[in-house]
């Protein structure tokens, strides 16, 4: 869980992928936490 400006974002992942719920505008911190997992933006 990440707190950015009072908003919560969640990173859930497994062995091969991850999903972010409610991503912040500055997604760099979340991407750094998911290092080694493929990043797909939708």
N, C-alpha and C. Protein backbone atom coordinates (compact mmCIF):
# COMPACT_ATOMS: atom_id res chain seq x y z
N UNK A 1 0.85 -1.16 0.00
CA UNK A 1 0.00 0.00 0.00
C UNK A 1 0.90 1.23 0.00
N UNK A 2 0.51 2.21 -0.79
CA UNK A 2 1.24 3.46 -0.89
C UNK A 2 0.30 4.60 -0.52
N UNK A 3 0.82 5.59 0.21
CA UNK A 3 0.05 6.79 0.53
C UNK A 3 0.74 7.96 -0.16
N UNK A 4 0.03 8.62 -1.07
CA UNK A 4 0.56 9.78 -1.78
C UNK A 4 -0.48 10.88 -1.65
N UNK A 5 -0.12 11.97 -1.00
CA UNK A 5 -1.03 13.11 -0.80
C UNK A 5 -2.37 12.68 -0.22
N UNK A 6 -2.34 11.73 0.73
CA UNK A 6 -3.56 11.29 1.38
C UNK A 6 -4.36 10.26 0.61
N UNK A 7 -3.93 9.89 -0.58
CA UNK A 7 -4.64 8.89 -1.38
C UNK A 7 -3.92 7.55 -1.29
N UNK A 8 -4.67 6.48 -1.32
CA UNK A 8 -4.10 5.14 -1.23
C UNK A 8 -4.00 4.50 -2.60
N UNK A 9 -2.92 3.80 -2.83
CA UNK A 9 -2.73 2.98 -4.01
C UNK A 9 -2.29 1.61 -3.54
N UNK A 10 -2.68 0.59 -4.27
CA UNK A 10 -2.35 -0.78 -3.88
C UNK A 10 -1.60 -1.46 -5.02
N UNK A 11 -0.59 -2.22 -4.65
CA UNK A 11 0.18 -3.02 -5.60
C UNK A 11 0.00 -4.47 -5.19
N UNK A 12 -0.58 -5.26 -6.08
CA UNK A 12 -0.76 -6.69 -5.82
C UNK A 12 -0.03 -7.43 -6.93
N UNK A 13 0.76 -8.41 -6.57
CA UNK A 13 1.53 -9.11 -7.59
C UNK A 13 1.77 -10.56 -7.26
N UNK A 14 2.13 -11.27 -8.30
CA UNK A 14 2.47 -12.67 -8.18
C UNK A 14 3.85 -12.90 -8.75
N UNK A 15 4.11 -14.10 -9.17
CA UNK A 15 5.44 -14.46 -9.67
C UNK A 15 5.75 -13.83 -11.01
N UNK A 16 4.72 -13.51 -11.81
CA UNK A 16 4.98 -13.05 -13.18
C UNK A 16 4.33 -11.73 -13.55
N UNK A 17 3.47 -11.21 -12.71
CA UNK A 17 2.81 -9.95 -13.06
C UNK A 17 2.31 -9.25 -11.80
N UNK A 18 1.89 -8.01 -11.98
CA UNK A 18 1.36 -7.22 -10.87
C UNK A 18 0.27 -6.30 -11.39
N UNK A 19 -0.57 -5.83 -10.48
CA UNK A 19 -1.62 -4.87 -10.81
C UNK A 19 -1.58 -3.75 -9.78
N UNK A 20 -1.85 -2.55 -10.24
CA UNK A 20 -1.91 -1.38 -9.36
C UNK A 20 -3.34 -0.87 -9.37
N UNK A 21 -3.91 -0.68 -8.19
CA UNK A 21 -5.26 -0.16 -8.06
C UNK A 21 -5.17 1.25 -7.51
N UNK A 22 -5.77 2.20 -8.21
CA UNK A 22 -5.73 3.59 -7.79
C UNK A 22 -4.35 4.19 -7.87
N UNK A 23 -3.66 4.03 -9.01
CA UNK A 23 -2.28 4.52 -9.09
C UNK A 23 -2.19 6.04 -8.95
N UNK A 24 -1.11 6.51 -8.30
CA UNK A 24 -0.90 7.96 -8.19
C UNK A 24 -0.41 8.51 -9.52
N UNK A 25 -0.47 9.82 -9.68
CA UNK A 25 0.05 10.45 -10.91
C UNK A 25 1.52 10.16 -11.10
N UNK A 26 2.27 10.25 -10.01
CA UNK A 26 3.71 9.96 -10.06
C UNK A 26 3.88 8.48 -9.72
N UNK A 27 3.87 7.65 -10.73
CA UNK A 27 3.84 6.20 -10.56
C UNK A 27 5.23 5.60 -10.33
N UNK A 28 6.27 6.43 -10.33
CA UNK A 28 7.64 5.93 -10.23
C UNK A 28 7.88 5.08 -8.98
N UNK A 29 7.34 5.47 -7.84
CA UNK A 29 7.53 4.71 -6.61
C UNK A 29 6.90 3.32 -6.72
N UNK A 30 5.74 3.25 -7.34
CA UNK A 30 5.06 1.96 -7.50
C UNK A 30 5.83 1.07 -8.48
N UNK A 31 6.29 1.65 -9.58
CA UNK A 31 7.07 0.88 -10.56
C UNK A 31 8.36 0.37 -9.93
N UNK A 32 8.99 1.17 -9.10
CA UNK A 32 10.22 0.73 -8.42
C UNK A 32 9.93 -0.46 -7.51
N UNK A 33 8.78 -0.47 -6.86
CA UNK A 33 8.41 -1.58 -5.97
C UNK A 33 8.15 -2.85 -6.76
N UNK A 34 7.76 -2.71 -8.01
CA UNK A 34 7.45 -3.87 -8.86
C UNK A 34 8.64 -4.26 -9.73
N UNK A 35 9.83 -3.86 -9.37
CA UNK A 35 11.02 -4.14 -10.17
C UNK A 35 11.12 -5.63 -10.46
N UNK A 36 11.37 -5.94 -11.73
CA UNK A 36 11.50 -7.33 -12.15
C UNK A 36 10.20 -7.90 -12.71
N UNK A 37 9.08 -7.18 -12.53
CA UNK A 37 7.81 -7.63 -13.09
C UNK A 37 7.52 -6.84 -14.35
N UNK A 38 6.87 -7.45 -15.34
CA UNK A 38 6.53 -6.71 -16.56
C UNK A 38 5.52 -5.61 -16.25
N UNK A 39 5.67 -4.46 -16.90
CA UNK A 39 4.78 -3.32 -16.71
C UNK A 39 3.89 -3.20 -17.93
N UNK A 40 2.58 -3.27 -17.71
CA UNK A 40 1.58 -3.12 -18.77
C UNK A 40 0.66 -2.00 -18.33
N UNK A 41 0.53 -0.98 -19.16
CA UNK A 41 -0.35 0.15 -18.83
C UNK A 41 -1.62 0.01 -19.63
N UNK A 42 -2.75 0.12 -18.93
CA UNK A 42 -4.05 0.02 -19.61
C UNK A 42 -4.93 1.15 -19.21
